[in-house]
Amino acid sequence: IIPGKRVKVPTIKDCVLSYECKIIHETDSGNIEPHHLFFGEILAAYTLKEEI
C-alpha cells in the first residue's frame, strides 16, 4: 500500500491500473436500499508500464 498523490486514500502499489478521484455527487440507488450511487471526477490514473 502506498499513499495517494492527489487524495488522502492509499492505493495498492502493484496494481496494473489504479486511479484517484473525488466524489462530486452522491444519491440513493432507488429501489436497492441501503445502497448509494457515487459520481466522481478522476483526478489521476496510473498503470504499470511493464504490464501494457
N, C-alpha and C. Protein backbone atom coordinates (compact mmCIF):
# COMPACT_ATOMS: atom_id res chain seq x y z
N ILE A 1 0.86 -1.18 0.00
CA ILE A 1 0.00 0.00 0.00
C ILE A 1 0.90 1.24 0.00
N ILE A 2 0.54 2.20 -0.85
CA ILE A 2 1.28 3.47 -0.92
C ILE A 2 0.29 4.63 -0.80
N PRO A 3 0.74 5.78 -0.32
CA PRO A 3 -0.17 6.92 -0.19
C PRO A 3 -0.61 7.44 -1.56
N GLY A 4 -1.82 7.98 -1.60
CA GLY A 4 -2.29 8.62 -2.82
C GLY A 4 -1.53 9.91 -3.07
N LYS A 5 -1.43 10.29 -4.33
CA LYS A 5 -0.73 11.53 -4.68
C LYS A 5 -1.66 12.73 -4.71
N ARG A 6 -2.93 12.52 -5.07
CA ARG A 6 -3.88 13.63 -5.22
C ARG A 6 -4.96 13.63 -4.14
N VAL A 7 -5.22 12.46 -3.53
CA VAL A 7 -6.24 12.35 -2.49
C VAL A 7 -5.64 11.64 -1.28
N LYS A 8 -6.34 11.64 -0.17
CA LYS A 8 -5.80 11.06 1.07
C LYS A 8 -6.13 9.58 1.22
N VAL A 9 -6.40 8.90 0.12
CA VAL A 9 -6.74 7.48 0.14
C VAL A 9 -5.56 6.70 -0.42
N PRO A 10 -5.10 5.64 0.27
CA PRO A 10 -3.98 4.86 -0.24
C PRO A 10 -4.39 4.00 -1.43
N THR A 11 -3.39 3.53 -2.16
CA THR A 11 -3.62 2.63 -3.29
C THR A 11 -2.69 1.42 -3.16
N ILE A 12 -2.96 0.37 -3.89
CA ILE A 12 -2.12 -0.83 -3.85
C ILE A 12 -0.97 -0.63 -4.83
N LYS A 13 0.25 -0.79 -4.34
CA LYS A 13 1.45 -0.48 -5.11
C LYS A 13 1.55 -1.21 -6.44
N ASP A 14 1.25 -2.48 -6.49
CA ASP A 14 1.47 -3.29 -7.70
C ASP A 14 0.22 -3.50 -8.54
N CYS A 15 -0.78 -2.64 -8.40
CA CYS A 15 -1.98 -2.75 -9.26
C CYS A 15 -1.60 -2.42 -10.70
N VAL A 16 -2.17 -3.16 -11.64
CA VAL A 16 -1.92 -2.90 -13.05
C VAL A 16 -2.49 -1.54 -13.44
N LEU A 17 -3.65 -1.19 -12.88
CA LEU A 17 -4.29 0.09 -13.17
C LEU A 17 -4.95 0.62 -11.90
N SER A 18 -4.74 1.86 -11.59
CA SER A 18 -5.42 2.49 -10.46
C SER A 18 -5.70 3.94 -10.80
N TYR A 19 -6.64 4.52 -10.10
CA TYR A 19 -6.96 5.92 -10.32
C TYR A 19 -7.37 6.56 -9.00
N GLU A 20 -7.29 7.86 -8.95
CA GLU A 20 -7.71 8.64 -7.79
C GLU A 20 -8.82 9.56 -8.24
N CYS A 21 -9.88 9.64 -7.45
CA CYS A 21 -10.98 10.51 -7.83
C CYS A 21 -11.57 11.19 -6.61
N LYS A 22 -12.35 12.24 -6.87
CA LYS A 22 -13.09 12.90 -5.80
C LYS A 22 -14.58 12.74 -6.10
N ILE A 23 -15.36 12.56 -5.05
CA ILE A 23 -16.80 12.40 -5.20
C ILE A 23 -17.41 13.77 -5.50
N ILE A 24 -18.19 13.83 -6.58
CA ILE A 24 -18.84 15.09 -6.92
C ILE A 24 -20.35 15.04 -6.69
N HIS A 25 -20.91 13.82 -6.55
CA HIS A 25 -22.35 13.69 -6.29
C HIS A 25 -22.63 12.32 -5.71
N GLU A 26 -23.54 12.26 -4.75
CA GLU A 26 -23.98 11.01 -4.15
C GLU A 26 -25.50 11.01 -4.12
N THR A 27 -26.10 9.86 -4.44
CA THR A 27 -27.56 9.77 -4.45
C THR A 27 -27.98 8.36 -4.03
N ASP A 28 -29.22 8.22 -3.59
CA ASP A 28 -29.77 6.90 -3.29
C ASP A 28 -29.93 6.13 -4.59
N SER A 29 -29.83 4.80 -4.49
CA SER A 29 -29.91 3.98 -5.70
C SER A 29 -31.33 3.69 -6.14
N GLY A 30 -32.30 4.19 -5.42
CA GLY A 30 -33.70 3.95 -5.80
C GLY A 30 -34.27 2.77 -5.07
N ASN A 31 -34.49 1.67 -5.77
CA ASN A 31 -35.14 0.50 -5.19
C ASN A 31 -34.20 -0.37 -4.37
N ILE A 32 -32.92 -0.21 -4.50
CA ILE A 32 -31.96 -1.10 -3.84
C ILE A 32 -31.41 -0.41 -2.59
N GLU A 33 -32.12 -0.52 -1.49
CA GLU A 33 -31.67 0.08 -0.25
C GLU A 33 -30.74 -0.88 0.46
N PRO A 34 -29.80 -0.51 1.20
CA PRO A 34 -29.35 0.85 1.53
C PRO A 34 -28.18 1.30 0.67
N HIS A 35 -28.16 0.96 -0.59
CA HIS A 35 -27.04 1.29 -1.47
C HIS A 35 -27.11 2.73 -1.96
N HIS A 36 -25.95 3.27 -2.28
CA HIS A 36 -25.84 4.64 -2.79
C HIS A 36 -25.05 4.61 -4.09
N LEU A 37 -25.32 5.55 -4.97
CA LEU A 37 -24.54 5.74 -6.19
C LEU A 37 -23.62 6.93 -5.98
N PHE A 38 -22.37 6.77 -6.40
CA PHE A 38 -21.39 7.84 -6.29
C PHE A 38 -20.93 8.22 -7.69
N PHE A 39 -20.87 9.51 -7.95
CA PHE A 39 -20.34 10.03 -9.20
C PHE A 39 -19.06 10.77 -8.85
N GLY A 40 -18.00 10.51 -9.62
CA GLY A 40 -16.72 11.10 -9.29
C GLY A 40 -16.01 11.72 -10.47
N GLU A 41 -15.04 12.53 -10.14
CA GLU A 41 -14.16 13.13 -11.14
C GLU A 41 -12.79 12.49 -10.97
N ILE A 42 -12.28 11.89 -12.04
CA ILE A 42 -10.96 11.26 -11.98
C ILE A 42 -9.90 12.35 -11.97
N LEU A 43 -9.06 12.33 -10.94
CA LEU A 43 -8.00 13.33 -10.80
C LEU A 43 -6.67 12.83 -11.34
N ALA A 44 -6.44 11.52 -11.29
CA ALA A 44 -5.18 10.95 -11.75
C ALA A 44 -5.39 9.47 -12.04
N ALA A 45 -4.62 8.92 -12.98
CA ALA A 45 -4.66 7.49 -13.31
C ALA A 45 -3.23 6.99 -13.45
N TYR A 46 -3.00 5.76 -13.00
CA TYR A 46 -1.65 5.19 -13.01
C TYR A 46 -1.71 3.78 -13.56
N THR A 47 -0.64 3.36 -14.22
CA THR A 47 -0.53 2.00 -14.73
C THR A 47 0.92 1.53 -14.60
N LEU A 48 1.10 0.22 -14.51
CA LEU A 48 2.44 -0.35 -14.51
C LEU A 48 2.89 -0.48 -15.96
N LYS A 49 3.93 0.19 -16.35
CA LYS A 49 4.38 0.20 -17.75
C LYS A 49 4.69 -1.19 -18.27
N GLU A 50 5.23 -2.04 -17.42
CA GLU A 50 5.61 -3.36 -17.89
C GLU A 50 4.39 -4.25 -18.17
N GLU A 51 3.20 -3.83 -17.77
CA GLU A 51 2.00 -4.62 -18.00
C GLU A 51 1.25 -4.21 -19.26
N ILE A 52 1.63 -3.10 -19.89
CA ILE A 52 0.90 -2.60 -21.07
C ILE A 52 1.32 -3.34 -22.32
